[in-house]
C-alpha cells in the first residue's frame, strides 16, 4: 500500500519511494539492538506485547494520511513500524525456539519460517482485497470502468484530467485508511493473544561453578 501511495499519490519515483523506507530499516535495527537487552530484563512476552502495540500505533497513524498529507506522517509511521517489529519479532522467535529441544531446532526454525510466510501471504490477500474493493467503492459512478480497478489504472486513463486524478488519489487514501484500520485491529488482537498464551520466561542467570562457590564461601 505504501509503495503505491508514495508513487501514485505523492508522485515519487521508484528510487525515491524505495529510499522513503529508510526510517523503517533504521528503527528496526535500533529495535533489534534494544530488544536484546530488554528481553533479559522484562521477558519475551512483555517485549512482544510492547512491540506489537507500537506497530499498531503505526497503522493507526497511517489511517490519518490523505492525498494532501506531507511525507512526515508516513515517515514517522514507518519509523514506529520498524521499531515495533524490531522489538517484537526477535522476542517472538526467541520464545518459540526456547520451547523446542535442541535436537529439534531445525524443525522449530522451519516451522517459524512457514508461519511467517503463510501469515505474509494471507495478510497480503486479505488487506489487498480490502484495499481494492474499497478503492472501487470510493470512486464515483461517473468514472471510467478501468479507473475503478486500481489507482494505476485510473491515472493511466486520466490523460491529464485533474478531476479524475484527484478523485483517484482521494479514493485510494480513503480505502488505505480503512485497510490500515483493519490492520491495526488485527495487530492489537494478536498482541492480546500473545500476552495470554505466551509464558513470561526470562533467561536464567548462569549457574556458578561449584568449585568457585566453595572458594567464595
N, C-alpha and C. Protein backbone atom coordinates (compact mmCIF):
# COMPACT_ATOMS: atom_id res chain seq x y z
N UNK A 1 0.82 -1.21 0.00
CA UNK A 1 0.00 0.00 0.00
C UNK A 1 0.85 1.25 0.00
N UNK A 2 1.87 1.26 0.85
CA UNK A 2 2.69 2.47 0.95
C UNK A 2 3.50 2.72 -0.31
N UNK A 3 3.92 1.65 -0.98
CA UNK A 3 4.64 1.84 -2.24
C UNK A 3 3.75 2.52 -3.27
N UNK A 4 2.51 2.06 -3.38
CA UNK A 4 1.56 2.69 -4.30
C UNK A 4 1.24 4.12 -3.86
N UNK A 5 1.09 4.31 -2.56
CA UNK A 5 0.79 5.66 -2.06
C UNK A 5 1.92 6.63 -2.42
N UNK A 6 3.15 6.21 -2.18
CA UNK A 6 4.28 7.09 -2.44
C UNK A 6 4.41 7.42 -3.92
N UNK A 7 4.20 6.44 -4.79
CA UNK A 7 4.41 6.66 -6.22
C UNK A 7 3.19 7.28 -6.91
N UNK A 8 1.99 6.80 -6.61
CA UNK A 8 0.82 7.25 -7.35
C UNK A 8 0.10 8.44 -6.70
N UNK A 9 0.24 8.60 -5.40
CA UNK A 9 -0.41 9.72 -4.72
C UNK A 9 0.56 10.88 -4.53
N UNK A 10 1.74 10.59 -3.97
CA UNK A 10 2.72 11.65 -3.76
C UNK A 10 3.58 11.91 -4.98
N UNK A 11 3.56 11.01 -5.96
CA UNK A 11 4.30 11.22 -7.19
C UNK A 11 5.78 10.93 -7.11
N UNK A 12 6.20 10.07 -6.16
CA UNK A 12 7.61 9.73 -6.03
C UNK A 12 8.05 8.81 -7.17
N UNK A 13 9.33 8.94 -7.53
CA UNK A 13 9.92 7.98 -8.46
C UNK A 13 10.15 6.66 -7.73
N UNK A 14 10.35 5.54 -8.45
CA UNK A 14 10.62 4.27 -7.77
C UNK A 14 11.81 4.34 -6.82
N UNK A 15 12.88 5.04 -7.24
CA UNK A 15 14.06 5.15 -6.38
C UNK A 15 13.74 5.95 -5.13
N UNK A 16 13.06 7.07 -5.29
CA UNK A 16 12.71 7.91 -4.14
C UNK A 16 11.76 7.18 -3.19
N UNK A 17 10.84 6.40 -3.78
CA UNK A 17 9.92 5.62 -2.94
C UNK A 17 10.67 4.58 -2.14
N UNK A 18 11.68 3.96 -2.76
CA UNK A 18 12.48 2.99 -2.03
C UNK A 18 13.26 3.62 -0.89
N UNK A 19 13.83 4.79 -1.16
CA UNK A 19 14.59 5.49 -0.12
C UNK A 19 13.69 5.96 1.02
N UNK A 20 12.41 6.13 0.73
CA UNK A 20 11.48 6.59 1.77
C UNK A 20 11.32 5.56 2.87
N UNK A 21 11.71 4.31 2.62
CA UNK A 21 11.59 3.26 3.64
C UNK A 21 12.82 3.18 4.54
N UNK A 22 13.76 4.09 4.38
CA UNK A 22 14.95 4.11 5.24
C UNK A 22 14.58 4.22 6.72
N UNK A 23 13.61 5.07 7.12
CA UNK A 23 13.25 5.15 8.55
C UNK A 23 12.87 3.79 9.14
N UNK A 24 12.20 2.95 8.35
CA UNK A 24 11.82 1.63 8.83
C UNK A 24 13.05 0.77 9.09
N UNK A 25 14.01 0.81 8.16
CA UNK A 25 15.22 0.00 8.31
C UNK A 25 16.05 0.44 9.51
N UNK A 26 16.16 1.75 9.69
CA UNK A 26 16.98 2.28 10.79
C UNK A 26 16.37 1.93 12.14
N UNK A 27 15.07 2.17 12.29
CA UNK A 27 14.43 1.91 13.59
C UNK A 27 14.30 0.42 13.86
N UNK A 28 14.20 -0.40 12.81
CA UNK A 28 14.19 -1.85 13.02
C UNK A 28 15.51 -2.30 13.62
N UNK A 29 16.61 -1.71 13.14
CA UNK A 29 17.93 -2.02 13.69
C UNK A 29 18.02 -1.58 15.15
N UNK A 30 17.50 -0.39 15.44
CA UNK A 30 17.51 0.12 16.82
C UNK A 30 16.67 -0.80 17.71
N UNK A 31 15.49 -1.22 17.20
CA UNK A 31 14.63 -2.10 17.99
C UNK A 31 15.27 -3.43 18.28
N UNK A 32 15.97 -3.98 17.29
CA UNK A 32 16.67 -5.26 17.50
C UNK A 32 17.76 -5.13 18.56
N UNK A 33 18.53 -4.05 18.49
CA UNK A 33 19.61 -3.85 19.46
C UNK A 33 19.05 -3.64 20.86
N UNK A 34 17.99 -2.84 20.96
CA UNK A 34 17.40 -2.58 22.27
C UNK A 34 16.70 -3.82 22.82
N UNK A 35 16.06 -4.58 21.92
CA UNK A 35 15.31 -5.75 22.36
C UNK A 35 16.19 -6.82 22.97
N UNK A 36 17.43 -6.93 22.49
CA UNK A 36 18.33 -7.96 23.03
C UNK A 36 18.55 -7.77 24.52
N UNK A 37 18.71 -6.53 24.95
CA UNK A 37 18.91 -6.26 26.38
C UNK A 37 17.61 -6.30 27.16
N UNK A 38 16.53 -5.81 26.54
CA UNK A 38 15.25 -5.76 27.25
C UNK A 38 14.67 -7.15 27.50
N UNK A 39 14.90 -8.08 26.57
CA UNK A 39 14.34 -9.43 26.74
C UNK A 39 14.87 -10.09 28.00
N UNK A 40 16.14 -9.82 28.32
CA UNK A 40 16.73 -10.42 29.52
C UNK A 40 16.15 -9.82 30.80
N UNK A 41 15.65 -8.61 30.71
CA UNK A 41 15.14 -7.93 31.91
C UNK A 41 13.63 -8.07 32.10
N UNK A 42 12.87 -7.97 31.02
CA UNK A 42 11.41 -7.98 31.17
C UNK A 42 10.76 -9.23 30.59
N UNK A 43 11.51 -10.05 29.88
CA UNK A 43 10.96 -11.28 29.32
C UNK A 43 10.39 -11.08 27.92
N UNK A 44 10.26 -12.17 27.21
CA UNK A 44 9.80 -12.10 25.81
C UNK A 44 8.35 -11.68 25.68
N UNK A 45 7.51 -12.12 26.62
CA UNK A 45 6.08 -11.83 26.47
C UNK A 45 5.81 -10.34 26.48
N UNK A 46 6.33 -9.62 27.46
CA UNK A 46 6.10 -8.18 27.53
C UNK A 46 6.74 -7.46 26.35
N UNK A 47 7.87 -7.97 25.88
CA UNK A 47 8.54 -7.33 24.75
C UNK A 47 7.73 -7.51 23.47
N UNK A 48 7.18 -8.69 23.26
CA UNK A 48 6.31 -8.93 22.10
C UNK A 48 5.08 -8.03 22.18
N UNK A 49 4.47 -7.96 23.35
CA UNK A 49 3.28 -7.12 23.54
C UNK A 49 3.59 -5.66 23.24
N UNK A 50 4.69 -5.15 23.79
CA UNK A 50 5.05 -3.75 23.57
C UNK A 50 5.35 -3.49 22.11
N UNK A 51 6.11 -4.39 21.48
CA UNK A 51 6.46 -4.20 20.08
C UNK A 51 5.24 -4.20 19.17
N UNK A 52 4.30 -5.09 19.43
CA UNK A 52 3.12 -5.16 18.58
C UNK A 52 2.19 -3.97 18.80
N UNK A 53 2.15 -3.44 20.00
CA UNK A 53 1.34 -2.24 20.24
C UNK A 53 1.96 -1.03 19.55
N UNK A 54 3.28 -0.97 19.49
CA UNK A 54 3.94 0.10 18.74
C UNK A 54 3.62 -0.04 17.25
N UNK A 55 3.63 -1.27 16.74
CA UNK A 55 3.25 -1.49 15.34
C UNK A 55 1.81 -1.07 15.09
N UNK A 56 0.91 -1.38 16.02
CA UNK A 56 -0.49 -0.98 15.87
C UNK A 56 -0.63 0.54 15.84
N UNK A 57 0.18 1.24 16.64
CA UNK A 57 0.13 2.70 16.63
C UNK A 57 0.61 3.25 15.29
N UNK A 58 1.54 2.54 14.65
CA UNK A 58 1.99 2.94 13.32
C UNK A 58 0.84 2.85 12.32
N UNK A 59 0.11 1.74 12.36
CA UNK A 59 -1.03 1.58 11.46
C UNK A 59 -2.11 2.63 11.76
N UNK A 60 -2.32 2.91 13.04
CA UNK A 60 -3.32 3.91 13.42
C UNK A 60 -2.93 5.29 12.88
N UNK A 61 -1.65 5.61 12.92
CA UNK A 61 -1.19 6.89 12.38
C UNK A 61 -1.39 6.94 10.87
N UNK A 62 -1.19 5.82 10.20
CA UNK A 62 -1.35 5.79 8.74
C UNK A 62 -2.81 5.94 8.31
N UNK A 63 -3.75 5.70 9.22
CA UNK A 63 -5.17 5.91 8.87
C UNK A 63 -5.49 7.39 8.70
N UNK A 64 -4.63 8.28 9.18
CA UNK A 64 -4.88 9.72 9.07
C UNK A 64 -4.33 10.31 7.78
N UNK A 65 -3.62 9.51 7.00
CA UNK A 65 -2.99 10.01 5.78
C UNK A 65 -4.05 10.31 4.72
N UNK A 66 -3.89 11.43 4.04
CA UNK A 66 -4.78 11.79 2.94
C UNK A 66 -3.94 12.12 1.71
N UNK A 67 -4.61 12.49 0.63
CA UNK A 67 -3.90 12.81 -0.61
C UNK A 67 -3.04 14.05 -0.46
N UNK A 68 -3.34 14.89 0.52
CA UNK A 68 -2.60 16.14 0.71
C UNK A 68 -1.61 16.07 1.86
N UNK A 69 -1.45 14.90 2.47
CA UNK A 69 -0.55 14.77 3.61
C UNK A 69 0.90 14.79 3.16
N UNK A 70 1.73 15.52 3.89
CA UNK A 70 3.17 15.53 3.58
C UNK A 70 3.79 14.21 4.01
N UNK A 71 5.02 13.98 3.57
CA UNK A 71 5.68 12.70 3.85
C UNK A 71 6.03 12.53 5.33
N UNK A 72 6.01 13.59 6.12
CA UNK A 72 6.41 13.50 7.52
C UNK A 72 5.59 12.47 8.28
N UNK A 73 4.28 12.41 8.02
CA UNK A 73 3.42 11.47 8.75
C UNK A 73 3.76 10.02 8.38
N UNK A 74 3.83 9.66 7.08
CA UNK A 74 4.25 8.29 6.76
C UNK A 74 5.65 7.96 7.26
N UNK A 75 6.55 8.94 7.28
CA UNK A 75 7.92 8.69 7.76
C UNK A 75 7.90 8.31 9.24
N UNK A 76 7.12 9.03 10.04
CA UNK A 76 7.01 8.71 11.46
C UNK A 76 6.38 7.33 11.64
N UNK A 77 5.34 7.07 10.84
CA UNK A 77 4.67 5.77 10.93
C UNK A 77 5.62 4.63 10.56
N UNK A 78 6.43 4.83 9.53
CA UNK A 78 7.40 3.81 9.14
C UNK A 78 8.44 3.59 10.24
N UNK A 79 8.84 4.69 10.88
CA UNK A 79 9.78 4.57 11.99
C UNK A 79 9.19 3.76 13.14
N UNK A 80 7.94 4.01 13.46
CA UNK A 80 7.27 3.25 14.52
C UNK A 80 7.11 1.79 14.13
N UNK A 81 6.79 1.55 12.86
CA UNK A 81 6.62 0.18 12.40
C UNK A 81 7.92 -0.60 12.52
N UNK A 82 9.03 0.02 12.10
CA UNK A 82 10.32 -0.65 12.21
C UNK A 82 10.71 -0.90 13.65
N UNK A 83 10.46 0.08 14.51
CA UNK A 83 10.80 -0.07 15.93
C UNK A 83 9.99 -1.19 16.56
N UNK A 84 8.70 -1.20 16.30
CA UNK A 84 7.84 -2.24 16.87
C UNK A 84 8.22 -3.62 16.39
N UNK A 85 8.47 -3.75 15.08
CA UNK A 85 8.86 -5.04 14.53
C UNK A 85 10.23 -5.47 15.07
N UNK A 86 11.14 -4.51 15.21
CA UNK A 86 12.46 -4.81 15.75
C UNK A 86 12.41 -5.32 17.18
N UNK A 87 11.45 -4.82 17.95
CA UNK A 87 11.29 -5.28 19.33
C UNK A 87 10.57 -6.63 19.40
N UNK A 88 9.50 -6.77 18.62
CA UNK A 88 8.63 -7.93 18.77
C UNK A 88 9.14 -9.19 18.09
N UNK A 89 9.65 -9.06 16.87
CA UNK A 89 9.97 -10.26 16.10
C UNK A 89 11.08 -11.11 16.72
N UNK A 90 12.23 -10.53 17.10
CA UNK A 90 13.26 -11.39 17.72
C UNK A 90 12.78 -12.04 19.02
N UNK A 91 11.98 -11.29 19.80
CA UNK A 91 11.45 -11.86 21.04
C UNK A 91 10.50 -13.00 20.75
N UNK A 92 9.68 -12.85 19.71
CA UNK A 92 8.74 -13.92 19.35
C UNK A 92 9.50 -15.17 18.88
N UNK A 93 10.52 -14.96 18.05
CA UNK A 93 11.31 -16.10 17.58
C UNK A 93 12.05 -16.75 18.76
N UNK A 94 12.59 -15.92 19.65
CA UNK A 94 13.29 -16.45 20.82
C UNK A 94 12.36 -17.25 21.71
N UNK A 95 11.13 -16.78 21.88
CA UNK A 95 10.16 -17.52 22.70
C UNK A 95 9.82 -18.86 22.07
N UNK A 96 9.66 -18.86 20.73
CA UNK A 96 9.36 -20.11 20.04
C UNK A 96 10.51 -21.10 20.16
N UNK A 97 11.71 -20.64 19.84
CA UNK A 97 12.87 -21.55 19.86
C UNK A 97 13.22 -21.99 21.27
N UNK A 98 12.87 -21.17 22.27
CA UNK A 98 13.16 -21.52 23.65
C UNK A 98 12.32 -22.67 24.17
N UNK A 99 11.21 -22.99 23.49
CA UNK A 99 10.34 -24.09 23.93
C UNK A 99 10.64 -25.39 23.19
N UNK A 100 11.61 -25.36 22.28
CA UNK A 100 11.90 -26.52 21.44
C UNK A 100 13.21 -27.16 21.87
N UNK A 101 13.25 -28.48 22.04
CA UNK A 101 14.50 -29.15 22.39
C UNK A 101 15.59 -28.86 21.37
N UNK A 102 16.83 -28.86 21.83
CA UNK A 102 17.95 -28.52 20.96
C UNK A 102 18.03 -29.43 19.73
N UNK A 103 17.68 -30.69 19.89
CA UNK A 103 17.79 -31.61 18.75
C UNK A 103 16.67 -31.40 17.74
N UNK A 104 15.67 -30.57 18.06
CA UNK A 104 14.59 -30.25 17.14
C UNK A 104 14.65 -28.80 16.68
N UNK A 105 15.81 -28.16 16.83
CA UNK A 105 15.94 -26.75 16.48
C UNK A 105 15.66 -26.50 15.00
N UNK A 106 16.09 -27.42 14.14
CA UNK A 106 15.84 -27.26 12.70
C UNK A 106 14.36 -27.29 12.39
N UNK A 107 13.63 -28.17 13.05
CA UNK A 107 12.18 -28.25 12.86
C UNK A 107 11.51 -26.96 13.33
N UNK A 108 11.96 -26.45 14.48
CA UNK A 108 11.39 -25.21 15.01
C UNK A 108 11.64 -24.03 14.09
N UNK A 109 12.85 -23.95 13.54
CA UNK A 109 13.18 -22.86 12.63
C UNK A 109 12.33 -22.93 11.36
N UNK A 110 12.16 -24.15 10.84
CA UNK A 110 11.34 -24.34 9.64
C UNK A 110 9.88 -23.98 9.92
N UNK A 111 9.39 -24.36 11.10
CA UNK A 111 8.02 -24.03 11.48
C UNK A 111 7.83 -22.52 11.56
N UNK A 112 8.80 -21.83 12.16
CA UNK A 112 8.73 -20.38 12.27
C UNK A 112 8.68 -19.73 10.89
N UNK A 113 9.55 -20.18 9.98
CA UNK A 113 9.57 -19.62 8.63
C UNK A 113 8.26 -19.88 7.90
N UNK A 114 7.71 -21.08 8.07
CA UNK A 114 6.45 -21.42 7.41
C UNK A 114 5.31 -20.53 7.91
N UNK A 115 5.27 -20.32 9.22
CA UNK A 115 4.22 -19.47 9.80
C UNK A 115 4.34 -18.05 9.28
N UNK A 116 5.56 -17.53 9.22
CA UNK A 116 5.76 -16.17 8.72
C UNK A 116 5.34 -16.04 7.26
N UNK A 117 5.75 -17.00 6.43
CA UNK A 117 5.40 -16.93 5.01
C UNK A 117 3.89 -17.04 4.80
N UNK A 118 3.26 -17.94 5.55
CA UNK A 118 1.81 -18.11 5.42
C UNK A 118 1.09 -16.86 5.90
N UNK A 119 1.56 -16.28 7.00
CA UNK A 119 0.96 -15.06 7.50
C UNK A 119 1.11 -13.90 6.53
N UNK A 120 2.28 -13.80 5.92
CA UNK A 120 2.50 -12.73 4.93
C UNK A 120 1.56 -12.87 3.74
N UNK A 121 1.46 -14.10 3.21
CA UNK A 121 0.59 -14.33 2.06
C UNK A 121 -0.87 -14.06 2.40
N UNK A 122 -1.30 -14.51 3.58
CA UNK A 122 -2.69 -14.30 4.00
C UNK A 122 -2.96 -12.82 4.22
N UNK A 123 -2.00 -12.12 4.83
CA UNK A 123 -2.18 -10.69 5.07
C UNK A 123 -2.29 -9.90 3.78
N UNK A 124 -1.42 -10.22 2.80
CA UNK A 124 -1.49 -9.54 1.51
C UNK A 124 -2.83 -9.80 0.82
N UNK A 125 -3.29 -11.05 0.89
CA UNK A 125 -4.55 -11.40 0.24
C UNK A 125 -5.73 -10.65 0.86
N UNK A 126 -5.80 -10.65 2.19
CA UNK A 126 -6.94 -10.03 2.87
C UNK A 126 -6.89 -8.50 2.75
N UNK A 127 -5.75 -7.92 3.12
CA UNK A 127 -5.66 -6.47 3.10
C UNK A 127 -5.67 -5.93 1.67
N UNK A 128 -5.06 -6.67 0.73
CA UNK A 128 -5.10 -6.25 -0.66
C UNK A 128 -6.51 -6.25 -1.22
N UNK A 129 -7.30 -7.25 -0.83
CA UNK A 129 -8.70 -7.31 -1.28
C UNK A 129 -9.50 -6.15 -0.70
N UNK A 130 -9.25 -5.84 0.57
CA UNK A 130 -9.95 -4.70 1.19
C UNK A 130 -9.59 -3.40 0.49
N UNK A 131 -8.31 -3.23 0.18
CA UNK A 131 -7.87 -2.01 -0.50
C UNK A 131 -8.50 -1.90 -1.88
N UNK A 132 -8.50 -2.99 -2.63
CA UNK A 132 -9.03 -2.97 -3.99
C UNK A 132 -10.54 -2.71 -4.01
N UNK A 133 -11.27 -3.42 -3.15
CA UNK A 133 -12.73 -3.24 -3.12
C UNK A 133 -13.09 -1.87 -2.59
N UNK A 134 -12.34 -1.39 -1.61
CA UNK A 134 -12.60 -0.05 -1.07
C UNK A 134 -12.35 1.03 -2.10
N UNK A 135 -11.28 0.88 -2.89
CA UNK A 135 -10.98 1.86 -3.93
C UNK A 135 -12.10 1.91 -4.96
N UNK A 136 -12.57 0.75 -5.42
CA UNK A 136 -13.65 0.71 -6.39
C UNK A 136 -14.92 1.35 -5.84
N UNK A 137 -15.17 1.13 -4.55
CA UNK A 137 -16.36 1.69 -3.92
C UNK A 137 -16.27 3.21 -3.77
N UNK A 138 -15.05 3.72 -3.50
CA UNK A 138 -14.87 5.14 -3.28
C UNK A 138 -14.88 5.95 -4.59
N UNK A 139 -14.54 5.30 -5.69
CA UNK A 139 -14.55 6.01 -6.97
C UNK A 139 -15.98 6.34 -7.37
N UNK A 140 -16.17 7.50 -7.95
CA UNK A 140 -17.51 7.94 -8.33
C UNK A 140 -18.08 7.08 -9.46
N UNK A 141 -19.40 7.05 -9.56
CA UNK A 141 -20.05 6.23 -10.58
C UNK A 141 -19.73 6.72 -11.99
N UNK A 142 -19.40 7.99 -12.13
CA UNK A 142 -19.13 8.52 -13.46
C UNK A 142 -17.73 8.24 -13.97
N UNK A 143 -16.89 7.61 -13.17
CA UNK A 143 -15.52 7.33 -13.58
C UNK A 143 -15.49 6.17 -14.57
N UNK A 144 -14.52 6.16 -15.50
CA UNK A 144 -14.39 5.02 -16.43
C UNK A 144 -14.20 3.71 -15.67
N UNK A 145 -14.67 2.63 -16.26
CA UNK A 145 -14.61 1.34 -15.58
C UNK A 145 -13.19 0.94 -15.24
N UNK A 146 -12.25 1.19 -16.16
CA UNK A 146 -10.86 0.83 -15.90
C UNK A 146 -10.29 1.61 -14.72
N UNK A 147 -10.78 2.82 -14.51
CA UNK A 147 -10.29 3.66 -13.42
C UNK A 147 -10.70 3.13 -12.06
N UNK A 148 -11.69 2.25 -12.02
CA UNK A 148 -12.16 1.72 -10.75
C UNK A 148 -11.38 0.49 -10.30
N UNK A 149 -10.55 -0.06 -11.18
CA UNK A 149 -9.82 -1.28 -10.84
C UNK A 149 -8.64 -1.02 -9.92
N UNK A 150 -7.93 0.08 -10.15
CA UNK A 150 -6.76 0.41 -9.34
C UNK A 150 -6.39 1.87 -9.58
N UNK A 151 -5.59 2.41 -8.69
CA UNK A 151 -5.15 3.78 -8.87
C UNK A 151 -4.23 3.90 -10.08
N UNK A 152 -3.43 2.86 -10.33
CA UNK A 152 -2.56 2.88 -11.51
C UNK A 152 -3.41 2.94 -12.78
N UNK A 153 -4.50 2.16 -12.82
CA UNK A 153 -5.38 2.19 -13.97
C UNK A 153 -6.07 3.53 -14.13
N UNK A 154 -6.46 4.13 -13.00
CA UNK A 154 -7.13 5.41 -13.05
C UNK A 154 -6.22 6.50 -13.60
N UNK A 155 -4.97 6.51 -13.15
CA UNK A 155 -4.03 7.51 -13.63
C UNK A 155 -3.67 7.28 -15.10
N UNK A 156 -3.71 6.02 -15.52
CA UNK A 156 -3.38 5.70 -16.91
C UNK A 156 -4.44 6.22 -17.88
N UNK A 157 -5.71 6.17 -17.47
CA UNK A 157 -6.79 6.62 -18.36
C UNK A 157 -7.16 8.07 -18.13
N UNK A 158 -6.55 8.72 -17.15
CA UNK A 158 -6.91 10.11 -16.84
C UNK A 158 -6.50 11.05 -17.96
N UNK A 159 -5.31 10.84 -18.54
CA UNK A 159 -4.81 11.68 -19.64
C UNK A 159 -4.86 13.16 -19.29
N UNK A 160 -4.38 13.47 -18.10
CA UNK A 160 -4.31 14.87 -17.68
C UNK A 160 -5.58 15.42 -17.06
N UNK A 161 -6.61 14.60 -16.92
CA UNK A 161 -7.86 15.05 -16.30
C UNK A 161 -7.62 15.20 -14.79
N UNK A 162 -7.44 16.45 -14.36
CA UNK A 162 -7.10 16.70 -12.95
C UNK A 162 -8.20 16.25 -12.00
N UNK A 163 -9.45 16.34 -12.44
CA UNK A 163 -10.56 15.90 -11.60
C UNK A 163 -10.51 14.41 -11.33
N UNK A 164 -10.24 13.62 -12.37
CA UNK A 164 -10.16 12.18 -12.22
C UNK A 164 -8.93 11.79 -11.41
N UNK A 165 -7.82 12.48 -11.66
CA UNK A 165 -6.59 12.19 -10.92
C UNK A 165 -6.79 12.43 -9.43
N UNK A 166 -7.39 13.57 -9.08
CA UNK A 166 -7.62 13.87 -7.66
C UNK A 166 -8.62 12.91 -7.04
N UNK A 167 -9.64 12.53 -7.82
CA UNK A 167 -10.64 11.58 -7.31
C UNK A 167 -9.99 10.23 -7.02
N UNK A 168 -9.09 9.81 -7.92
CA UNK A 168 -8.41 8.52 -7.72
C UNK A 168 -7.52 8.57 -6.49
N UNK A 169 -6.81 9.66 -6.29
CA UNK A 169 -5.93 9.79 -5.13
C UNK A 169 -6.74 9.84 -3.83
N UNK A 170 -7.85 10.55 -3.85
CA UNK A 170 -8.71 10.61 -2.66
C UNK A 170 -9.31 9.24 -2.36
N UNK A 171 -9.74 8.53 -3.40
CA UNK A 171 -10.33 7.21 -3.21
C UNK A 171 -9.31 6.23 -2.66
N UNK A 172 -8.08 6.32 -3.16
CA UNK A 172 -7.04 5.40 -2.69
C UNK A 172 -6.71 5.64 -1.23
N UNK A 173 -6.54 6.91 -0.83
CA UNK A 173 -6.17 7.18 0.56
C UNK A 173 -7.33 6.86 1.51
N UNK A 174 -8.57 7.05 1.06
CA UNK A 174 -9.71 6.68 1.90
C UNK A 174 -9.75 5.17 2.10
N UNK A 175 -9.53 4.43 1.02
CA UNK A 175 -9.52 2.97 1.13
C UNK A 175 -8.32 2.50 1.95
N UNK A 176 -7.18 3.18 1.79
CA UNK A 176 -5.99 2.83 2.55
C UNK A 176 -6.22 3.02 4.05
N UNK A 177 -6.94 4.10 4.41
CA UNK A 177 -7.23 4.35 5.82
C UNK A 177 -8.07 3.22 6.41
N UNK A 178 -9.07 2.79 5.66
CA UNK A 178 -9.91 1.68 6.12
C UNK A 178 -9.10 0.40 6.29
N UNK A 179 -8.22 0.14 5.31
CA UNK A 179 -7.41 -1.08 5.34
C UNK A 179 -6.45 -1.06 6.52
N UNK A 180 -5.81 0.08 6.77
CA UNK A 180 -4.90 0.17 7.91
C UNK A 180 -5.65 0.09 9.24
N UNK A 181 -6.89 0.54 9.27
CA UNK A 181 -7.69 0.39 10.49
C UNK A 181 -7.89 -1.09 10.81
N UNK A 182 -8.24 -1.87 9.78
CA UNK A 182 -8.39 -3.31 9.97
C UNK A 182 -7.06 -3.93 10.39
N UNK A 183 -5.97 -3.48 9.77
CA UNK A 183 -4.66 -3.99 10.13
C UNK A 183 -4.31 -3.69 11.58
N UNK A 184 -4.61 -2.48 12.03
CA UNK A 184 -4.33 -2.10 13.41
C UNK A 184 -5.12 -2.95 14.39
N UNK A 185 -6.39 -3.19 14.07
CA UNK A 185 -7.23 -4.03 14.94
C UNK A 185 -6.66 -5.45 15.00
N UNK A 186 -6.22 -5.96 13.85
CA UNK A 186 -5.63 -7.30 13.81
C UNK A 186 -4.38 -7.41 14.65
N UNK A 187 -3.52 -6.39 14.59
CA UNK A 187 -2.27 -6.43 15.36
C UNK A 187 -2.57 -6.34 16.86
N UNK A 188 -3.52 -5.49 17.25
CA UNK A 188 -3.88 -5.40 18.67
C UNK A 188 -4.44 -6.73 19.16
N UNK A 189 -5.29 -7.37 18.35
CA UNK A 189 -5.84 -8.67 18.73
C UNK A 189 -4.73 -9.70 18.88
N UNK A 190 -3.77 -9.68 17.96
CA UNK A 190 -2.65 -10.61 18.05
C UNK A 190 -1.80 -10.34 19.28
N UNK A 191 -1.62 -9.06 19.62
CA UNK A 191 -0.84 -8.70 20.81
C UNK A 191 -1.52 -9.22 22.08
N UNK A 192 -2.84 -9.07 22.15
CA UNK A 192 -3.58 -9.58 23.31
C UNK A 192 -3.47 -11.10 23.38
N UNK A 193 -3.60 -11.76 22.23
CA UNK A 193 -3.49 -13.22 22.21
C UNK A 193 -2.10 -13.67 22.65
N UNK A 194 -1.07 -12.97 22.18
CA UNK A 194 0.29 -13.31 22.57
C UNK A 194 0.49 -13.15 24.07
N UNK A 195 -0.08 -12.08 24.62
CA UNK A 195 0.06 -11.84 26.06
C UNK A 195 -0.63 -12.93 26.88
N UNK A 196 -1.70 -13.51 26.32
CA UNK A 196 -2.44 -14.53 27.05
C UNK A 196 -1.79 -15.91 26.97
N UNK A 197 -1.22 -16.24 25.82
CA UNK A 197 -0.74 -17.61 25.62
C UNK A 197 0.75 -17.79 25.87
N UNK A 198 1.52 -16.70 25.78
CA UNK A 198 2.96 -16.85 25.98
C UNK A 198 3.30 -16.96 27.45
N UNK A 199 4.30 -17.74 27.77
CA UNK A 199 4.80 -17.84 29.13
C UNK A 199 5.84 -16.76 29.35
N UNK A 200 5.75 -16.08 30.45
CA UNK A 200 6.66 -14.96 30.74
C UNK A 200 7.96 -15.49 31.32
N UNK A 201 8.79 -16.02 30.46
CA UNK A 201 10.07 -16.58 30.90
C UNK A 201 11.19 -15.61 30.59
N UNK A 202 12.21 -15.62 31.44
CA UNK A 202 13.40 -14.81 31.26
C UNK A 202 14.62 -15.72 31.28
N UNK A 203 15.65 -15.35 30.59
CA UNK A 203 16.86 -16.17 30.65
C UNK A 203 17.37 -16.31 32.06
N UNK A 204 17.66 -17.53 32.45
CA UNK A 204 18.18 -17.77 33.80
C UNK A 204 19.64 -17.37 33.86
N UNK A 205 20.07 -16.76 34.98
CA UNK A 205 21.49 -16.43 35.11
C UNK A 205 22.34 -17.69 35.14
N UNK A 206 23.53 -17.59 34.60
CA UNK A 206 24.42 -18.75 34.54
C UNK A 206 24.75 -19.23 35.94
N UNK A 207 24.68 -20.54 36.13
CA UNK A 207 24.95 -21.11 37.45
C UNK A 207 26.45 -20.99 37.77
N UNK A 208 26.75 -20.66 39.00
CA UNK A 208 28.14 -20.51 39.40
C UNK A 208 28.77 -21.88 39.62
N UNK A 209 29.93 -22.14 39.03
CA UNK A 209 30.58 -23.44 39.23
C UNK A 209 30.75 -23.77 40.71
N UNK A 210 30.58 -25.06 41.02
CA UNK A 210 30.64 -25.47 42.42
C UNK A 210 31.97 -25.13 43.07
N UNK A 211 33.04 -25.29 42.31
CA UNK A 211 34.38 -25.02 42.87
C UNK A 211 34.53 -23.55 43.26
N UNK A 212 34.03 -22.66 42.39
CA UNK A 212 34.13 -21.23 42.70
C UNK A 212 33.26 -20.87 43.87
N UNK A 213 32.09 -21.50 43.97
CA UNK A 213 31.19 -21.21 45.08
C UNK A 213 31.84 -21.59 46.40
N UNK A 214 32.54 -22.74 46.42
CA UNK A 214 33.19 -23.17 47.67
C UNK A 214 34.33 -22.25 48.03
N UNK A 215 35.08 -21.78 47.04
CA UNK A 215 36.18 -20.86 47.34
C UNK A 215 35.66 -19.56 47.92
N UNK A 216 34.54 -19.07 47.34
CA UNK A 216 33.96 -17.82 47.86
C UNK A 216 33.51 -18.01 49.29
N UNK A 217 32.89 -19.19 49.59
CA UNK A 217 32.44 -19.47 50.95
C UNK A 217 33.62 -19.50 51.90
